[in-house]
């Protein structure tokens, strides 16, 4: 879904309407000033636990190494 773009002036005039629409339908809005993006507005969502996100997939993944391990060694050639 491509984010909707709106100028600060138009947002100010229709803010409640726009916020209600975002709350009901989701999506995101990019607020612009002189055609340059300055803000991104998204509906708030609660952070979900790992169990909620991956519950049905438990036991189907096999990790060969710790997924939280930094990968800085792979990027040394770029310095």
N, C-alpha and C. Protein backbone atom coordinates (compact mmCIF):
# COMPACT_ATOMS: atom_id res chain seq x y z
N UNK A 1 0.84 -1.18 0.00
CA UNK A 1 0.00 0.00 0.00
C UNK A 1 0.89 1.24 0.00
N UNK A 2 0.68 2.13 -0.95
CA UNK A 2 1.44 3.36 -1.06
C UNK A 2 0.89 4.37 -0.05
N UNK A 3 1.77 4.98 0.76
CA UNK A 3 1.28 5.95 1.74
C UNK A 3 0.66 7.17 1.07
N UNK A 4 -0.38 7.66 1.69
CA UNK A 4 -1.02 8.89 1.21
C UNK A 4 -0.14 10.06 1.60
N UNK A 5 -0.04 11.05 0.73
CA UNK A 5 0.74 12.26 1.02
C UNK A 5 -0.21 13.43 1.17
N UNK A 6 0.09 14.29 2.14
CA UNK A 6 -0.75 15.46 2.38
C UNK A 6 0.11 16.59 2.91
N UNK A 7 -0.20 17.81 2.51
CA UNK A 7 0.56 18.96 2.99
C UNK A 7 0.15 19.29 4.42
N UNK A 8 1.01 20.00 5.14
CA UNK A 8 0.70 20.41 6.51
C UNK A 8 -0.58 21.24 6.55
N UNK A 9 -0.76 22.09 5.58
CA UNK A 9 -1.95 22.96 5.55
C UNK A 9 -3.23 22.14 5.42
N UNK A 10 -3.25 21.18 4.50
CA UNK A 10 -4.43 20.34 4.33
C UNK A 10 -4.65 19.44 5.54
N UNK A 11 -3.55 18.95 6.14
CA UNK A 11 -3.68 18.12 7.33
C UNK A 11 -4.34 18.90 8.46
N UNK A 12 -3.92 20.13 8.65
CA UNK A 12 -4.47 20.96 9.72
C UNK A 12 -5.97 21.15 9.55
N UNK A 13 -6.42 21.35 8.33
CA UNK A 13 -7.84 21.59 8.07
C UNK A 13 -8.69 20.33 8.24
N UNK A 14 -8.10 19.14 8.03
CA UNK A 14 -8.88 17.89 8.05
C UNK A 14 -8.35 16.85 9.04
N UNK A 15 -7.61 17.30 10.05
CA UNK A 15 -6.89 16.39 10.93
C UNK A 15 -7.78 15.33 11.58
N UNK A 16 -8.88 15.69 12.20
CA UNK A 16 -9.74 14.70 12.86
C UNK A 16 -10.28 13.67 11.88
N UNK A 17 -10.71 14.13 10.73
CA UNK A 17 -11.22 13.22 9.70
C UNK A 17 -10.13 12.23 9.26
N UNK A 18 -8.93 12.73 9.04
CA UNK A 18 -7.82 11.89 8.60
C UNK A 18 -7.42 10.90 9.69
N UNK A 19 -7.36 11.36 10.93
CA UNK A 19 -7.00 10.47 12.05
C UNK A 19 -8.03 9.37 12.23
N UNK A 20 -9.30 9.71 12.12
CA UNK A 20 -10.34 8.68 12.25
C UNK A 20 -10.22 7.64 11.14
N UNK A 21 -9.95 8.10 9.93
CA UNK A 21 -9.80 7.18 8.81
C UNK A 21 -8.61 6.25 9.03
N UNK A 22 -7.48 6.79 9.50
CA UNK A 22 -6.31 5.95 9.79
C UNK A 22 -6.61 4.93 10.88
N UNK A 23 -7.33 5.38 11.90
CA UNK A 23 -7.65 4.48 13.01
C UNK A 23 -8.53 3.32 12.54
N UNK A 24 -9.48 3.60 11.68
CA UNK A 24 -10.41 2.57 11.22
C UNK A 24 -9.83 1.68 10.12
N UNK A 25 -9.08 2.28 9.20
CA UNK A 25 -8.65 1.56 8.01
C UNK A 25 -7.17 1.23 7.95
N UNK A 26 -6.38 1.78 8.86
CA UNK A 26 -4.94 1.53 8.83
C UNK A 26 -4.26 2.34 7.75
N UNK A 27 -3.05 1.94 7.42
CA UNK A 27 -2.27 2.66 6.42
C UNK A 27 -1.33 3.64 7.07
N UNK A 28 -0.82 4.56 6.29
CA UNK A 28 0.05 5.60 6.81
C UNK A 28 -0.07 6.84 5.95
N UNK A 29 0.32 7.96 6.52
CA UNK A 29 0.27 9.25 5.82
C UNK A 29 1.64 9.91 5.93
N UNK A 30 2.10 10.43 4.83
CA UNK A 30 3.33 11.22 4.80
C UNK A 30 2.91 12.68 4.72
N UNK A 31 3.34 13.46 5.71
CA UNK A 31 3.02 14.89 5.74
C UNK A 31 4.16 15.64 5.08
N UNK A 32 3.80 16.55 4.20
CA UNK A 32 4.81 17.28 3.44
C UNK A 32 4.78 18.77 3.76
N UNK A 33 5.93 19.38 3.54
CA UNK A 33 6.04 20.83 3.60
C UNK A 33 6.83 21.26 2.38
N UNK A 34 6.20 22.03 1.53
CA UNK A 34 6.78 22.42 0.24
C UNK A 34 7.21 21.20 -0.56
N UNK A 35 6.33 20.21 -0.59
CA UNK A 35 6.52 18.96 -1.34
C UNK A 35 7.65 18.07 -0.85
N UNK A 36 8.18 18.35 0.34
CA UNK A 36 9.21 17.49 0.92
C UNK A 36 8.62 16.78 2.15
N UNK A 37 8.83 15.48 2.30
CA UNK A 37 8.29 14.75 3.45
C UNK A 37 8.94 15.22 4.74
N UNK A 38 8.10 15.47 5.77
CA UNK A 38 8.61 15.90 7.07
C UNK A 38 8.12 15.04 8.22
N UNK A 39 6.99 14.36 8.05
CA UNK A 39 6.42 13.51 9.09
C UNK A 39 5.80 12.27 8.48
N UNK A 40 5.76 11.21 9.28
CA UNK A 40 5.04 10.00 8.89
C UNK A 40 4.08 9.67 10.02
N UNK A 41 2.82 9.50 9.71
CA UNK A 41 1.81 9.21 10.72
C UNK A 41 1.28 7.80 10.49
N UNK A 42 1.34 6.98 11.55
CA UNK A 42 0.89 5.60 11.51
C UNK A 42 -0.07 5.35 12.66
N UNK A 43 -1.02 4.43 12.50
CA UNK A 43 -1.85 4.06 13.65
C UNK A 43 -1.00 3.34 14.69
N UNK A 44 -1.31 3.53 15.95
CA UNK A 44 -0.59 2.88 17.03
C UNK A 44 -1.01 1.42 17.11
N UNK A 45 -0.03 0.54 17.30
CA UNK A 45 -0.33 -0.87 17.52
C UNK A 45 0.47 -1.35 18.72
N UNK A 46 -0.13 -2.23 19.49
CA UNK A 46 0.56 -2.81 20.63
C UNK A 46 1.66 -3.73 20.14
N UNK A 47 2.77 -3.74 20.85
CA UNK A 47 3.85 -4.64 20.50
C UNK A 47 3.43 -6.06 20.87
N UNK A 48 3.55 -6.96 19.91
CA UNK A 48 3.13 -8.34 20.13
C UNK A 48 4.30 -9.18 20.60
N UNK A 49 4.00 -10.18 21.41
CA UNK A 49 5.05 -11.07 21.90
C UNK A 49 5.49 -12.02 20.80
N UNK A 50 6.63 -12.66 21.00
CA UNK A 50 7.13 -13.63 20.02
C UNK A 50 6.14 -14.77 19.85
N UNK A 51 5.50 -15.16 20.95
CA UNK A 51 4.54 -16.26 20.88
C UNK A 51 3.34 -15.90 20.01
N UNK A 52 2.89 -14.64 20.09
CA UNK A 52 1.76 -14.21 19.26
C UNK A 52 2.14 -14.18 17.78
N UNK A 53 3.35 -13.77 17.50
CA UNK A 53 3.79 -13.64 16.11
C UNK A 53 4.14 -14.99 15.51
N UNK A 54 4.86 -15.82 16.26
CA UNK A 54 5.38 -17.07 15.71
C UNK A 54 4.72 -18.31 16.29
N UNK A 55 3.63 -18.16 17.03
CA UNK A 55 3.01 -19.29 17.72
C UNK A 55 2.73 -20.49 16.85
N UNK A 56 2.14 -20.30 15.69
CA UNK A 56 1.81 -21.41 14.80
C UNK A 56 3.04 -22.02 14.14
N UNK A 57 4.16 -21.31 14.16
CA UNK A 57 5.36 -21.78 13.49
C UNK A 57 6.36 -22.40 14.46
N UNK A 58 6.00 -22.46 15.75
CA UNK A 58 6.92 -22.99 16.75
C UNK A 58 7.38 -24.40 16.35
N UNK A 59 8.70 -24.58 16.37
CA UNK A 59 9.27 -25.88 16.05
C UNK A 59 9.53 -26.11 14.57
N UNK A 60 9.16 -25.16 13.71
CA UNK A 60 9.37 -25.37 12.28
C UNK A 60 10.64 -24.70 11.77
N UNK A 61 11.28 -23.86 12.59
CA UNK A 61 12.52 -23.19 12.21
C UNK A 61 13.69 -23.87 12.88
N UNK A 62 14.80 -23.94 12.17
CA UNK A 62 16.03 -24.47 12.74
C UNK A 62 17.10 -23.40 12.57
N UNK A 63 17.62 -22.89 13.69
CA UNK A 63 18.67 -21.88 13.65
C UNK A 63 20.01 -22.58 13.83
N UNK A 64 20.94 -22.30 12.92
CA UNK A 64 22.26 -22.90 13.03
C UNK A 64 23.20 -22.03 13.85
N UNK A 65 22.80 -20.77 14.10
CA UNK A 65 23.57 -19.88 14.96
C UNK A 65 22.60 -18.91 15.60
N UNK A 66 23.08 -18.19 16.59
CA UNK A 66 22.23 -17.24 17.31
C UNK A 66 21.83 -16.11 16.36
N UNK A 67 20.51 -15.91 16.12
CA UNK A 67 20.09 -14.85 15.18
C UNK A 67 20.37 -13.44 15.69
N UNK A 68 20.67 -13.29 16.98
CA UNK A 68 20.96 -11.96 17.54
C UNK A 68 22.44 -11.61 17.49
N UNK A 69 23.27 -12.49 16.95
CA UNK A 69 24.70 -12.24 16.86
C UNK A 69 24.97 -11.14 15.84
N UNK A 70 25.77 -10.13 16.21
CA UNK A 70 26.09 -9.06 15.26
C UNK A 70 26.81 -9.61 14.02
N UNK A 71 26.61 -8.98 12.90
CA UNK A 71 27.22 -9.46 11.65
C UNK A 71 28.29 -8.49 11.15
N UNK A 72 28.92 -7.78 12.07
CA UNK A 72 29.90 -6.78 11.65
C UNK A 72 31.07 -7.38 10.88
N UNK A 73 31.43 -8.64 11.15
CA UNK A 73 32.54 -9.26 10.44
C UNK A 73 32.28 -9.32 8.94
N UNK A 74 31.03 -9.43 8.55
CA UNK A 74 30.70 -9.53 7.14
C UNK A 74 30.87 -8.20 6.41
N UNK A 75 30.97 -7.10 7.14
CA UNK A 75 31.00 -5.78 6.54
C UNK A 75 32.38 -5.12 6.59
N UNK A 76 33.39 -5.84 7.03
CA UNK A 76 34.71 -5.23 7.16
C UNK A 76 35.30 -4.82 5.81
N UNK A 77 34.93 -5.47 4.74
CA UNK A 77 35.46 -5.13 3.42
C UNK A 77 34.97 -3.79 2.92
N UNK A 78 33.88 -3.27 3.49
CA UNK A 78 33.30 -2.02 3.03
C UNK A 78 33.95 -0.79 3.66
N UNK A 79 34.78 -0.99 4.66
CA UNK A 79 35.39 0.15 5.35
C UNK A 79 36.55 0.71 4.59
